[in-house]
Amino acid sequence: EAVALEAECRRLAERAESLKRQAESDKVELEELQKRGEAKLLESRAKSNDASRANEKRRRVEVEYKQARELERQLAELRGERLKAAERCETLQGEWEALAEEAASAKQSREEERQALE
């Protein structure tokens, strides 16, 4: 009976040692799984942050594009106004030249009249 008890004790000790090794192995595996889970979580957060940064950049580009289009529109408008101003300037210059000719002609006519009266 002592031999049987001793054998049972050895068997239980071996079983306890086996369970201890299995628990350590399970603990290591659990830590690895947790690390992978954290890595996946960090990866997921990184992707989310990348997407947020990309969306923010897209919004900034859209705003800058709209501003550029507005500046182009204003520039086109100013060019149109400048063209109109140049045309008006030419018109006024032509009118001024005509008035200058008319004034010169009137002066000459008065001079001729004055000479005729003398």
PDB file of N, CA and C in Angstrom:
ATOM      1  N   GLU A   1       0.826  -1.192   0.000  1.00  0.00           N
ATOM      2  CA  GLU A   1       0.000   0.000   0.000  1.00  0.00           C
ATOM      3  C   GLU A   1       0.874   1.261   0.000  1.00  0.00           C
ATOM      4  N   ALA A   2       1.980   1.272   0.685  1.00  0.00           N
ATOM      5  CA  ALA A   2       2.901   2.406   0.727  1.00  0.00           C
ATOM      6  C   ALA A   2       3.484   2.656  -0.649  1.00  0.00           C
ATOM      7  N   VAL A   3       3.776   1.578  -1.383  1.00  0.00           N
ATOM      8  CA  VAL A   3       4.336   1.701  -2.724  1.00  0.00           C
ATOM      9  C   VAL A   3       3.286   2.324  -3.641  1.00  0.00           C
ATOM     10  N   ALA A   4       2.030   1.903  -3.480  1.00  0.00           N
ATOM     11  CA  ALA A   4       0.953   2.437  -4.308  1.00  0.00           C
ATOM     12  C   ALA A   4       0.744   3.913  -3.995  1.00  0.00           C
ATOM     13  N   LEU A   5       0.821   4.269  -2.702  1.00  0.00           N
ATOM     14  CA  LEU A   5       0.666   5.678  -2.326  1.00  0.00           C
ATOM     15  C   LEU A   5       1.827   6.511  -2.863  1.00  0.00           C
ATOM     16  N   GLU A   6       3.020   5.927  -2.778  1.00  0.00           N
ATOM     17  CA  GLU A   6       4.191   6.632  -3.289  1.00  0.00           C
ATOM     18  C   GLU A   6       4.068   6.842  -4.791  1.00  0.00           C
ATOM     19  N   ALA A   7       3.621   5.848  -5.506  1.00  0.00           N
ATOM     20  CA  ALA A   7       3.423   5.951  -6.956  1.00  0.00           C
ATOM     21  C   ALA A   7       2.346   6.992  -7.268  1.00  0.00           C
ATOM     22  N   GLU A   8       1.284   6.985  -6.493  1.00  0.00           N
ATOM     23  CA  GLU A   8       0.205   7.974  -6.680  1.00  0.00           C
ATOM     24  C   GLU A   8       0.733   9.378  -6.413  1.00  0.00           C
ATOM     25  N   CYS A   9       1.570   9.529  -5.390  1.00  0.00           N
ATOM     26  CA  CYS A   9       2.162  10.846  -5.087  1.00  0.00           C
ATOM     27  C   CYS A   9       3.047  11.317  -6.237  1.00  0.00           C
ATOM     28  N   ARG A  10       3.849  10.398  -6.784  1.00  0.00           N
ATOM     29  CA  ARG A  10       4.713  10.761  -7.915  1.00  0.00           C
ATOM     30  C   ARG A  10       3.863  11.159  -9.119  1.00  0.00           C
ATOM     31  N   ARG A  11       2.825  10.373  -9.377  1.00  0.00           N
ATOM     32  CA  ARG A  11       1.936  10.673 -10.491  1.00  0.00           C
ATOM     33  C   ARG A  11       1.284  12.036 -10.290  1.00  0.00           C
ATOM     34  N   LEU A  12       0.824  12.325  -9.089  1.00  0.00           N
ATOM     35  CA  LEU A  12       0.205  13.620  -8.806  1.00  0.00           C
ATOM     36  C   LEU A  12       1.226  14.751  -8.911  1.00  0.00           C
ATOM     37  N   ALA A  13       2.467  14.521  -8.476  1.00  0.00           N
ATOM     38  CA  ALA A  13       3.531  15.520  -8.564  1.00  0.00           C
ATOM     39  C   ALA A  13       3.842  15.813 -10.031  1.00  0.00           C
ATOM     40  N   GLU A  14       3.932  14.745 -10.840  1.00  0.00           N
ATOM     41  CA  GLU A  14       4.184  14.924 -12.275  1.00  0.00           C
ATOM     42  C   GLU A  14       3.026  15.692 -12.929  1.00  0.00           C
ATOM     43  N   ARG A  15       1.827  15.318 -12.517  1.00  0.00           N
ATOM     44  CA  ARG A  15       0.631  16.009 -13.061  1.00  0.00           C
ATOM     45  C   ARG A  15       0.645  17.477 -12.653  1.00  0.00           C
ATOM     46  N   ALA A  16       1.032  17.764 -11.393  1.00  0.00           N
ATOM     47  CA  ALA A  16       1.112  19.143 -10.910  1.00  0.00           C
ATOM     48  C   ALA A  16       2.179  19.908 -11.694  1.00  0.00           C
ATOM     49  N   GLU A  17       3.321  19.255 -11.937  1.00  0.00           N
ATOM     50  CA  GLU A  17       4.400  19.893 -12.712  1.00  0.00           C
ATOM     51  C   GLU A  17       3.933  20.152 -14.135  1.00  0.00           C
ATOM     52  N   SER A  18       3.232  19.191 -14.732  1.00  0.00           N
ATOM     53  CA  SER A  18       2.698  19.347 -16.086  1.00  0.00           C
ATOM     54  C   SER A  18       1.704  20.503 -16.138  1.00  0.00           C
ATOM     55  N   LEU A  19       0.831  20.553 -15.148  1.00  0.00           N
ATOM     56  CA  LEU A  19      -0.147  21.657 -15.090  1.00  0.00           C
ATOM     57  C   LEU A  19       0.546  23.006 -14.896  1.00  0.00           C
ATOM     58  N   LYS A  20       1.624  23.008 -14.096  1.00  0.00           N
ATOM     59  CA  LYS A  20       2.383  24.247 -13.873  1.00  0.00           C
ATOM     60  C   LYS A  20       3.005  24.719 -15.190  1.00  0.00           C
ATOM     61  N   ARG A  21       3.627  23.774 -15.930  1.00  0.00           N
ATOM     62  CA  ARG A  21       4.226  24.143 -17.231  1.00  0.00           C
ATOM     63  C   ARG A  21       3.147  24.640 -18.197  1.00  0.00           C
ATOM     64  N   GLN A  22       2.000  23.976 -18.203  1.00  0.00           N
ATOM     65  CA  GLN A  22       0.890  24.380 -19.084  1.00  0.00           C
ATOM     66  C   GLN A  22       0.400  25.775 -18.700  1.00  0.00           C
ATOM     67  N   ALA A  23       0.324  26.057 -17.397  1.00  0.00           N
ATOM     68  CA  ALA A  23      -0.126  27.382 -16.935  1.00  0.00           C
ATOM     69  C   ALA A  23       0.862  28.448 -17.372  1.00  0.00           C
ATOM     70  N   GLU A  24       2.170  28.152 -17.239  1.00  0.00           N
ATOM     71  CA  GLU A  24       3.187  29.114 -17.688  1.00  0.00           C
ATOM     72  C   GLU A  24       3.088  29.334 -19.186  1.00  0.00           C
ATOM     73  N   SER A  25       2.905  28.251 -19.936  1.00  0.00           N
ATOM     74  CA  SER A  25       2.756  28.356 -21.385  1.00  0.00           C
ATOM     75  C   SER A  25       1.512  29.165 -21.742  1.00  0.00           C
ATOM     76  N   ASP A  26       0.422  28.888 -21.037  1.00  0.00           N
ATOM     77  CA  ASP A  26      -0.813  29.649 -21.265  1.00  0.00           C
ATOM     78  C   ASP A  26      -0.623  31.123 -20.931  1.00  0.00           C
ATOM     79  N   LYS A  27       0.134  31.395 -19.853  1.00  0.00           N
ATOM     80  CA  LYS A  27       0.391  32.780 -19.446  1.00  0.00           C
ATOM     81  C   LYS A  27       1.178  33.512 -20.536  1.00  0.00           C
ATOM     82  N   VAL A  28       2.215  32.852 -21.065  1.00  0.00           N
ATOM     83  CA  VAL A  28       3.025  33.444 -22.144  1.00  0.00           C
ATOM     84  C   VAL A  28       2.150  33.678 -23.374  1.00  0.00           C
ATOM     85  N   GLU A  29       1.343  32.689 -23.713  1.00  0.00           N
ATOM     86  CA  GLU A  29       0.453  32.824 -24.879  1.00  0.00           C
ATOM     87  C   GLU A  29      -0.535  33.970 -24.677  1.00  0.00           C
ATOM     88  N   LEU A  30      -1.085  34.071 -23.475  1.00  0.00           N
ATOM     89  CA  LEU A  30      -2.021  35.153 -23.163  1.00  0.00           C
ATOM     90  C   LEU A  30      -1.344  36.513 -23.292  1.00  0.00           C
ATOM     91  N   GLU A  31      -0.106  36.617 -22.795  1.00  0.00           N
ATOM     92  CA  GLU A  31       0.634  37.878 -22.913  1.00  0.00           C
ATOM     93  C   GLU A  31       0.865  38.233 -24.377  1.00  0.00           C
ATOM     94  N   GLU A  32       1.211  37.228 -25.183  1.00  0.00           N
ATOM     95  CA  GLU A  32       1.416  37.459 -26.619  1.00  0.00           C
ATOM     96  C   GLU A  32       0.123  37.917 -27.284  1.00  0.00           C
ATOM     97  N   LEU A  33      -0.979  37.243 -26.899  1.00  0.00           N
ATOM     98  CA  LEU A  33      -2.274  37.641 -27.463  1.00  0.00           C
ATOM     99  C   LEU A  33      -2.624  39.066 -27.056  1.00  0.00           C
ATOM    100  N   GLN A  34      -2.338  39.416 -25.796  1.00  0.00           N
ATOM    101  CA  GLN A  34      -2.615  40.772 -25.337  1.00  0.00           C
ATOM    102  C   GLN A  34      -1.749  41.777 -26.096  1.00  0.00           C
ATOM    103  N   LYS A  35      -0.480  41.408 -26.289  1.00  0.00           N
ATOM    104  CA  LYS A  35       0.415  42.296 -27.048  1.00  0.00           C
ATOM    105  C   LYS A  35      -0.106  42.481 -28.467  1.00  0.00           C
ATOM    106  N   ARG A  36      -0.531  41.358 -29.093  1.00  0.00           N
ATOM    107  CA  ARG A  36      -1.071  41.456 -30.456  1.00  0.00           C
ATOM    108  C   ARG A  36      -2.336  42.294 -30.477  1.00  0.00           C
ATOM    109  N   GLY A  37      -3.160  42.091 -29.433  1.00  0.00           N
ATOM    110  CA  GLY A  37      -4.391  42.889 -29.336  1.00  0.00           C
ATOM    111  C   GLY A  37      -4.072  44.361 -29.182  1.00  0.00           C
ATOM    112  N   GLU A  38      -3.063  44.667 -28.354  1.00  0.00           N
ATOM    113  CA  GLU A  38      -2.648  46.058 -28.192  1.00  0.00           C
ATOM    114  C   GLU A  38      -2.063  46.589 -29.493  1.00  0.00           C
ATOM    115  N   ALA A  39      -1.286  45.745 -30.162  1.00  0.00           N
ATOM    116  CA  ALA A  39      -0.700  46.154 -31.439  1.00  0.00           C
ATOM    117  C   ALA A  39      -1.799  46.441 -32.452  1.00  0.00           C
ATOM    118  N   LYS A  40      -2.806  45.555 -32.477  1.00  0.00           N
ATOM    119  CA  LYS A  40      -3.922  45.793 -33.405  1.00  0.00           C
ATOM    120  C   LYS A  40      -4.670  47.062 -33.034  1.00  0.00           C
ATOM    121  N   LEU A  41      -4.845  47.278 -31.738  1.00  0.00           N
ATOM    122  CA  LEU A  41      -5.517  48.497 -31.283  1.00  0.00           C
ATOM    123  C   LEU A  41      -4.701  49.728 -31.679  1.00  0.00           C
ATOM    124  N   LEU A  42      -3.381  49.649 -31.448  1.00  0.00           N
ATOM    125  CA  LEU A  42      -2.512  50.766 -31.829  1.00  0.00           C
ATOM    126  C   LEU A  42      -2.526  50.976 -33.342  1.00  0.00           C
ATOM    127  N   GLU A  43      -2.518  49.871 -34.078  1.00  0.00           N
ATOM    128  CA  GLU A  43      -2.578  49.956 -35.540  1.00  0.00           C
ATOM    129  C   GLU A  43      -3.892  50.591 -35.980  1.00  0.00           C
ATOM    130  N   SER A  44      -4.958  50.174 -35.339  1.00  0.00           N
ATOM    131  CA  SER A  44      -6.276  50.725 -35.653  1.00  0.00           C
ATOM    132  C   SER A  44      -6.310  52.219 -35.348  1.00  0.00           C
ATOM    133  N   ARG A  45      -5.756  52.592 -34.199  1.00  0.00           N
ATOM    134  CA  ARG A  45      -5.701  54.022 -33.845  1.00  0.00           C
ATOM    135  C   ARG A  45      -4.853  54.794 -34.841  1.00  0.00           C
ATOM    136  N   ALA A  46      -3.725  54.212 -35.247  1.00  0.00           N
ATOM    137  CA  ALA A  46      -2.853  54.869 -36.216  1.00  0.00           C
ATOM    138  C   ALA A  46      -3.588  55.078 -37.538  1.00  0.00           C
ATOM    139  N   LYS A  47      -4.318  54.043 -37.976  1.00  0.00           N
ATOM    140  CA  LYS A  47      -5.086  54.182 -39.222  1.00  0.00           C
ATOM    141  C   LYS A  47      -6.140  55.273 -39.079  1.00  0.00           C
ATOM    142  N   SER A  48      -6.791  55.291 -37.926  1.00  0.00           N
ATOM    143  CA  SER A  48      -7.807  56.306 -37.678  1.00  0.00           C
ATOM    144  C   SER A  48      -7.184  57.698 -37.684  1.00  0.00           C
ATOM    145  N   ASN A  49      -6.016  57.824 -37.026  1.00  0.00           N
ATOM    146  CA  ASN A  49      -5.319  59.113 -37.013  1.00  0.00           C
ATOM    147  C   ASN A  49      -4.879  59.510 -38.413  1.00  0.00           C
ATOM    148  N   ASP A  50      -4.373  58.528 -39.189  1.00  0.00           N
ATOM    149  CA  ASP A  50      -3.979  58.802 -40.569  1.00  0.00           C
ATOM    150  C   ASP A  50      -5.181  59.283 -41.368  1.00  0.00           C
ATOM    151  N   ALA A  51      -6.312  58.634 -41.191  1.00  0.00           N
ATOM    152  CA  ALA A  51      -7.531  59.031 -41.909  1.00  0.00           C
ATOM    153  C   ALA A  51      -7.949  60.439 -41.481  1.00  0.00           C
ATOM    154  N   SER A  52      -7.854  60.728 -40.188  1.00  0.00           N
ATOM    155  CA  SER A  52      -8.217  62.063 -39.708  1.00  0.00           C
ATOM    156  C   SER A  52      -7.294  63.116 -40.313  1.00  0.00           C
ATOM    157  N   ARG A  53      -5.989  62.817 -40.327  1.00  0.00           N
ATOM    158  CA  ARG A  53      -5.035  63.767 -40.915  1.00  0.00           C
ATOM    159  C   ARG A  53      -5.307  63.943 -42.413  1.00  0.00           C
ATOM    160  N   ALA A  54      -5.614  62.853 -43.096  1.00  0.00           N
ATOM    161  CA  ALA A  54      -5.909  62.929 -44.532  1.00  0.00           C
ATOM    162  C   ALA A  54      -7.166  63.758 -44.764  1.00  0.00           C
ATOM    163  N   ASN A  55      -8.186  63.564 -43.939  1.00  0.00           N
ATOM    164  CA  ASN A  55      -9.414  64.350 -44.089  1.00  0.00           C
ATOM    165  C   ASN A  55      -9.152  65.830 -43.819  1.00  0.00           C
ATOM    166  N   GLU A  56      -8.352  66.112 -42.811  1.00  0.00           N
ATOM    167  CA  GLU A  56      -8.026  67.507 -42.489  1.00  0.00           C
ATOM    168  C   GLU A  56      -7.243  68.139 -43.635  1.00  0.00           C
ATOM    169  N   LYS A  57      -6.301  67.391 -44.174  1.00  0.00           N
ATOM    170  CA  LYS A  57      -5.523  67.901 -45.305  1.00  0.00           C
ATOM    171  C   LYS A  57      -6.434  68.139 -46.506  1.00  0.00           C
ATOM    172  N   ARG A  58      -7.355  67.204 -46.749  1.00  0.00           N
ATOM    173  CA  ARG A  58      -8.299  67.360 -47.869  1.00  0.00           C
ATOM    174  C   ARG A  58      -9.137  68.620 -47.672  1.00  0.00           C
ATOM    175  N   ARG A  59      -9.603  68.834 -46.432  1.00  0.00           N
ATOM    176  CA  ARG A  59     -10.402  70.042 -46.157  1.00  0.00           C
ATOM    177  C   ARG A  59      -9.574  71.308 -46.395  1.00  0.00           C
ATOM    178  N   ARG A  60      -8.316  71.290 -45.947  1.00  0.00           N
ATOM    179  CA  ARG A  60      -7.453  72.466 -46.163  1.00  0.00           C
ATOM    180  C   ARG A  60      -7.240  72.714 -47.648  1.00  0.00           C
ATOM    181  N   VAL A  61      -7.013  71.639 -48.397  1.00  0.00           N
ATOM    182  CA  VAL A  61      -6.802  71.766 -49.844  1.00  0.00           C
ATOM    183  C   VAL A  61      -8.070  72.318 -50.504  1.00  0.00           C
ATOM    184  N   GLU A  62      -9.233  71.834 -50.079  1.00  0.00           N
ATOM    185  CA  GLU A  62     -10.492  72.336 -50.631  1.00  0.00           C
ATOM    186  C   GLU A  62     -10.647  73.826 -50.350  1.00  0.00           C
ATOM    187  N   VAL A  63     -10.336  74.249 -49.136  1.00  0.00           N
ATOM    188  CA  VAL A  63     -10.446  75.670 -48.781  1.00  0.00           C
ATOM    189  C   VAL A  63      -9.471  76.484 -49.628  1.00  0.00           C
ATOM    190  N   GLU A  64      -8.229  76.004 -49.731  1.00  0.00           N
ATOM    191  CA  GLU A  64      -7.236  76.721 -50.531  1.00  0.00           C
ATOM    192  C   GLU A  64      -7.660  76.773 -52.007  1.00  0.00           C
ATOM    193  N   TYR A  65      -8.242  75.688 -52.506  1.00  0.00           N
ATOM    194  CA  TYR A  65      -8.697  75.656 -53.891  1.00  0.00           C
ATOM    195  C   TYR A  65      -9.806  76.692 -54.103  1.00  0.00           C
ATOM    196  N   LYS A  66     -10.757  76.737 -53.162  1.00  0.00           N
ATOM    197  CA  LYS A  66     -11.845  77.713 -53.275  1.00  0.00           C
ATOM    198  C   LYS A  66     -11.299  79.131 -53.216  1.00  0.00           C
ATOM    199  N   GLN A  67     -10.317  79.366 -52.346  1.00  0.00           N
ATOM    200  CA  GLN A  67      -9.714  80.695 -52.253  1.00  0.00           C
ATOM    201  C   GLN A  67      -9.004  81.051 -53.560  1.00  0.00           C
ATOM    202  N   ALA A  68      -8.304  80.082 -54.135  1.00  0.00           N
ATOM    203  CA  ALA A  68      -7.601  80.323 -55.396  1.00  0.00           C
ATOM    204  C   ALA A  68      -8.600  80.642 -56.509  1.00  0.00           C
ATOM    205  N   ARG A  69      -9.699  79.892 -56.556  1.00  0.00           N
ATOM    206  CA  ARG A  69     -10.728  80.152 -57.577  1.00  0.00           C
ATOM    207  C   ARG A  69     -11.317  81.554 -57.402  1.00  0.00           C
ATOM    208  N   GLU A  70     -11.554  81.953 -56.150  1.00  0.00           N
ATOM    209  CA  GLU A  70     -12.103  83.281 -55.884  1.00  0.00           C
ATOM    210  C   GLU A  70     -11.100  84.361 -56.311  1.00  0.00           C
ATOM    211  N   LEU A  71      -9.829  84.136 -56.031  1.00  0.00           N
ATOM    212  CA  LEU A  71      -8.806  85.099 -56.450  1.00  0.00           C
ATOM    213  C   LEU A  71      -8.716  85.169 -57.977  1.00  0.00           C
ATOM    214  N   GLU A  72      -8.845  84.031 -58.635  1.00  0.00           N
ATOM    215  CA  GLU A  72      -8.851  84.021 -60.100  1.00  0.00           C
ATOM    216  C   GLU A  72     -10.050  84.802 -60.632  1.00  0.00           C
ATOM    217  N   ARG A  73     -11.205  84.613 -60.001  1.00  0.00           N
ATOM    218  CA  ARG A  73     -12.396  85.340 -60.426  1.00  0.00           C
ATOM    219  C   ARG A  73     -12.195  86.846 -60.249  1.00  0.00           C
ATOM    220  N   GLN A  74     -11.653  87.233 -59.087  1.00  0.00           N
ATOM    221  CA  GLN A  74     -11.408  88.647 -58.822  1.00  0.00           C
ATOM    222  C   GLN A  74     -10.391  89.220 -59.803  1.00  0.00           C
ATOM    223  N   LEU A  75      -9.357  88.417 -60.118  1.00  0.00           N
ATOM    224  CA  LEU A  75      -8.350  88.864 -61.072  1.00  0.00           C
ATOM    225  C   LEU A  75      -8.971  89.073 -62.450  1.00  0.00           C
ATOM    226  N   ALA A  76      -9.820  88.142 -62.867  1.00  0.00           N
ATOM    227  CA  ALA A  76     -10.497  88.274 -64.161  1.00  0.00           C
ATOM    228  C   ALA A  76     -11.378  89.522 -64.164  1.00  0.00           C
ATOM    229  N   GLU A  77     -12.057  89.750 -63.054  1.00  0.00           N
ATOM    230  CA  GLU A  77     -12.912  90.932 -62.932  1.00  0.00           C
ATOM    231  C   GLU A  77     -12.066  92.206 -63.024  1.00  0.00           C
ATOM    232  N   LEU A  78     -10.930  92.225 -62.335  1.00  0.00           N
ATOM    233  CA  LEU A  78     -10.045  93.395 -62.381  1.00  0.00           C
ATOM    234  C   LEU A  78      -9.466  93.607 -63.776  1.00  0.00           C
ATOM    235  N   ARG A  79      -9.152  92.496 -64.454  1.00  0.00           N
ATOM    236  CA  ARG A  79      -8.647  92.626 -65.821  1.00  0.00           C
ATOM    237  C   ARG A  79      -9.718  93.227 -66.719  1.00  0.00           C
ATOM    238  N   GLY A  80     -10.959  92.795 -66.515  1.00  0.00           N
ATOM    239  CA  GLY A  80     -12.070  93.363 -67.292  1.00  0.00           C
ATOM    240  C   GLY A  80     -12.227  94.843 -67.010  1.00  0.00           C
ATOM    241  N   GLU A  81     -12.144  95.209 -65.744  1.00  0.00           N
ATOM    242  CA  GLU A  81     -12.257  96.626 -65.382  1.00  0.00           C
ATOM    243  C   GLU A  81     -11.081  97.421 -65.954  1.00  0.00           C
ATOM    244  N   ARG A  82      -9.889  96.846 -65.933  1.00  0.00           N
ATOM    245  CA  ARG A  82      -8.717  97.523 -66.487  1.00  0.00           C
ATOM    246  C   ARG A  82      -8.880  97.729 -67.992  1.00  0.00           C
ATOM    247  N   LEU A  83      -9.419  96.718 -68.664  1.00  0.00           N
ATOM    248  CA  LEU A  83      -9.643  96.836 -70.109  1.00  0.00           C
ATOM    249  C   LEU A  83     -10.650  97.949 -70.398  1.00  0.00           C
ATOM    250  N   LYS A  84     -11.748  97.971 -69.622  1.00  0.00           N
ATOM    251  CA  LYS A  84     -12.742  99.035 -69.790  1.00  0.00           C
ATOM    252  C   LYS A  84     -12.129 100.403 -69.523  1.00  0.00           C
ATOM    253  N   ALA A  85     -11.292 100.484 -68.488  1.00  0.00           N
ATOM    254  CA  ALA A  85     -10.642 101.755 -68.158  1.00  0.00           C
ATOM    255  C   ALA A  85      -9.707 102.188 -69.288  1.00  0.00           C
ATOM    256  N   ALA A  86      -8.991 101.235 -69.880  1.00  0.00           N
ATOM    257  CA  ALA A  86      -8.090 101.561 -70.990  1.00  0.00           C
ATOM    258  C   ALA A  86      -8.893 102.049 -72.194  1.00  0.00           C
ATOM    259  N   GLU A  87     -10.014 101.374 -72.454  1.00  0.00           N
ATOM    260  CA  GLU A  87     -10.878 101.818 -73.564  1.00  0.00           C
ATOM    261  C   GLU A  87     -11.422 103.215 -73.287  1.00  0.00           C
ATOM    262  N   ARG A  88     -11.862 103.472 -72.073  1.00  0.00           N
ATOM    263  CA  ARG A  88     -12.385 104.795 -71.698  1.00  0.00           C
ATOM    264  C   ARG A  88     -11.285 105.846 -71.820  1.00  0.00           C
ATOM    265  N   CYS A  89     -10.071 105.483 -71.444  1.00  0.00           N
ATOM    266  CA  CYS A  89      -8.934 106.400 -71.548  1.00  0.00           C
ATOM    267  C   CYS A  89      -8.687 106.771 -73.015  1.00  0.00           C
ATOM    268  N   GLU A  90      -8.730 105.751 -73.886  1.00  0.00           N
ATOM    269  CA  GLU A  90      -8.552 106.018 -75.316  1.00  0.00           C
ATOM    270  C   GLU A  90      -9.655 106.948 -75.835  1.00  0.00           C
ATOM    271  N   THR A  91     -10.897 106.665 -75.404  1.00  0.00           N
ATOM    272  CA  THR A  91     -12.025 107.504 -75.823  1.00  0.00           C
ATOM    273  C   THR A  91     -11.812 108.939 -75.358  1.00  0.00           C
ATOM    274  N   LEU A  92     -11.438 109.113 -74.108  1.00  0.00           N
ATOM    275  CA  LEU A  92     -11.214 110.462 -73.558  1.00  0.00           C
ATOM    276  C   LEU A  92     -10.049 111.153 -74.256  1.00  0.00           C
ATOM    277  N   GLN A  93      -9.013 110.402 -74.568  1.00  0.00           N
ATOM    278  CA  GLN A  93      -7.878 110.996 -75.271  1.00  0.00           C
ATOM    279  C   GLN A  93      -8.306 111.474 -76.658  1.00  0.00           C
ATOM    280  N   GLY A  94      -9.143 110.643 -77.335  1.00  0.00           N
ATOM    281  CA  GLY A  94      -9.641 111.050 -78.654  1.00  0.00           C
ATOM    282  C   GLY A  94     -10.500 112.303 -78.544  1.00  0.00           C
ATOM    283  N   GLU A  95     -11.358 112.352 -77.512  1.00  0.00           N
ATOM    284  CA  GLU A  95     -12.199 113.531 -77.307  1.00  0.00           C
ATOM    285  C   GLU A  95     -11.331 114.750 -76.992  1.00  0.00           C
ATOM    286  N   TRP A  96     -10.309 114.568 -76.182  1.00  0.00           N
ATOM    287  CA  TRP A  96      -9.421 115.675 -75.828  1.00  0.00           C
ATOM    288  C   TRP A  96      -8.714 116.201 -77.065  1.00  0.00           C
ATOM    289  N   GLU A  97      -8.221 115.283 -77.915  1.00  0.00           N
ATOM    290  CA  GLU A  97      -7.545 115.698 -79.153  1.00  0.00           C
ATOM    291  C   GLU A  97      -8.504 116.468 -80.049  1.00  0.00           C
ATOM    292  N   ALA A  98      -9.767 115.992 -80.152  1.00  0.00           N
ATOM    293  CA  ALA A  98     -10.763 116.685 -80.979  1.00  0.00           C
ATOM    294  C   ALA A  98     -11.022 118.077 -80.414  1.00  0.00           C
ATOM    295  N   LEU A  99     -11.146 118.179 -79.085  1.00  0.00           N
ATOM    296  CA  LEU A  99     -11.354 119.495 -78.460  1.00  0.00           C
ATOM    297  C   LEU A  99     -10.150 120.394 -78.663  1.00  0.00           C
ATOM    298  N   ALA A 100      -8.948 119.829 -78.588  1.00  0.00           N
ATOM    299  CA  ALA A 100      -7.727 120.616 -78.798  1.00  0.00           C
ATOM    300  C   ALA A 100      -7.693 121.144 -80.229  1.00  0.00           C
ATOM    301  N   GLU A 101      -8.074 120.300 -81.190  1.00  0.00           N
ATOM    302  CA  GLU A 101      -8.122 120.738 -82.587  1.00  0.00           C
ATOM    303  C   GLU A 101      -9.165 121.834 -82.767  1.00  0.00           C
ATOM    304  N   GLU A 102     -10.330 121.634 -82.134  1.00  0.00           N
ATOM    305  CA  GLU A 102     -11.411 122.616 -82.212  1.00  0.00           C
ATOM    306  C   GLU A 102     -10.959 123.945 -81.599  1.00  0.00           C
ATOM    307  N   ALA A 103     -10.259 123.874 -80.463  1.00  0.00           N
ATOM    308  CA  ALA A 103      -9.767 125.090 -79.813  1.00  0.00           C
ATOM    309  C   ALA A 103      -8.730 125.775 -80.695  1.00  0.00           C
ATOM    310  N   ALA A 104      -7.853 125.004 -81.300  1.00  0.00           N
ATOM    311  CA  ALA A 104      -6.830 125.575 -82.179  1.00  0.00           C
ATOM    312  C   ALA A 104      -7.490 126.224 -83.388  1.00  0.00           C
ATOM    313  N   SER A 105      -8.512 125.556 -83.914  1.00  0.00           N
ATOM    314  CA  SER A 105      -9.232 126.097 -85.064  1.00  0.00           C
ATOM    315  C   SER A 105      -9.945 127.394 -84.690  1.00  0.00           C
ATOM    316  N   ALA A 106     -10.569 127.401 -83.510  1.00  0.00           N
ATOM    317  CA  ALA A 106     -11.267 128.609 -83.054  1.00  0.00           C
ATOM    318  C   ALA A 106     -10.275 129.738 -82.839  1.00  0.00           C
ATOM    319  N   LYS A 107      -9.122 129.426 -82.291  1.00  0.00           N
ATOM    320  CA  LYS A 107      -8.095 130.444 -82.058  1.00  0.00           C
ATOM    321  C   LYS A 107      -7.619 131.017 -83.382  1.00  0.00           C
ATOM    322  N   GLN A 108      -7.440 130.111 -84.341  1.00  0.00           N
ATOM    323  CA  GLN A 108      -6.985 130.557 -85.652  1.00  0.00           C
ATOM    324  C   GLN A 108      -8.060 131.437 -86.312  1.00  0.00           C
ATOM    325  N   SER A 109      -9.333 131.041 -86.154  1.00  0.00           N
ATOM    326  CA  SER A 109     -10.423 131.838 -86.731  1.00  0.00           C
ATOM    327  C   SER A 109     -10.464 133.215 -86.098  1.00  0.00           C
ATOM    328  N   ARG A 110     -10.316 133.305 -84.803  1.00  0.00           N
ATOM    329  CA  ARG A 110     -10.309 134.612 -84.119  1.00  0.00           C
ATOM    330  C   ARG A 110      -9.122 135.442 -84.575  1.00  0.00           C
ATOM    331  N   GLU A 111      -7.993 134.783 -84.728  1.00  0.00           N
ATOM    332  CA  GLU A 111      -6.796 135.505 -85.178  1.00  0.00           C
ATOM    333  C   GLU A 111      -7.018 136.052 -86.583  1.00  0.00           C
ATOM    334  N   GLU A 112      -7.659 135.228 -87.428  1.00  0.00           N
ATOM    335  CA  GLU A 112      -7.931 135.678 -88.800  1.00  0.00           C
ATOM    336  C   GLU A 112      -8.931 136.844 -88.781  1.00  0.00           C
ATOM    337  N   GLU A 113      -9.956 136.759 -87.928  1.00  0.00           N
ATOM    338  CA  GLU A 113     -10.939 137.837 -87.812  1.00  0.00           C
ATOM    339  C   GLU A 113     -10.276 139.108 -87.311  1.00  0.00           C
ATOM    340  N   ARG A 114      -9.398 138.979 -86.343  1.00  0.00           N
ATOM    341  CA  ARG A 114      -8.719 140.153 -85.800  1.00  0.00           C
ATOM    342  C   ARG A 114      -7.860 140.803 -86.869  1.00  0.00           C
ATOM    343  N   GLN A 115      -7.177 139.980 -87.656  1.00  0.00           N
ATOM    344  CA  GLN A 115      -6.330 140.508 -88.717  1.00  0.00           C
ATOM    345  C   GLN A 115      -7.193 141.167 -89.811  1.00  0.00           C
ATOM    346  N   ALA A 116      -8.382 140.562 -90.046  1.00  0.00           N
ATOM    347  CA  ALA A 116      -9.263 141.127 -91.076  1.00  0.00           C
ATOM    348  C   ALA A 116      -9.802 142.461 -90.608  1.00  0.00           C
ATOM    349  N   LEU A 117     -10.013 142.632 -89.332  1.00  0.00           N
ATOM    350  CA  LEU A 117     -10.524 143.887 -88.800  1.00  0.00           C
ATOM    351  C   LEU A 117      -9.439 144.952 -88.778  1.00  0.00           C
ATOM    352  N   GLU A 118      -8.237 144.593 -88.741  1.00  0.00           N
ATOM    353  CA  GLU A 118      -7.162 145.592 -88.676  1.00  0.00           C
ATOM    354  C   GLU A 118      -6.880 146.182 -89.978  1.00  0.00           C
TER     355      GLU A 118
END
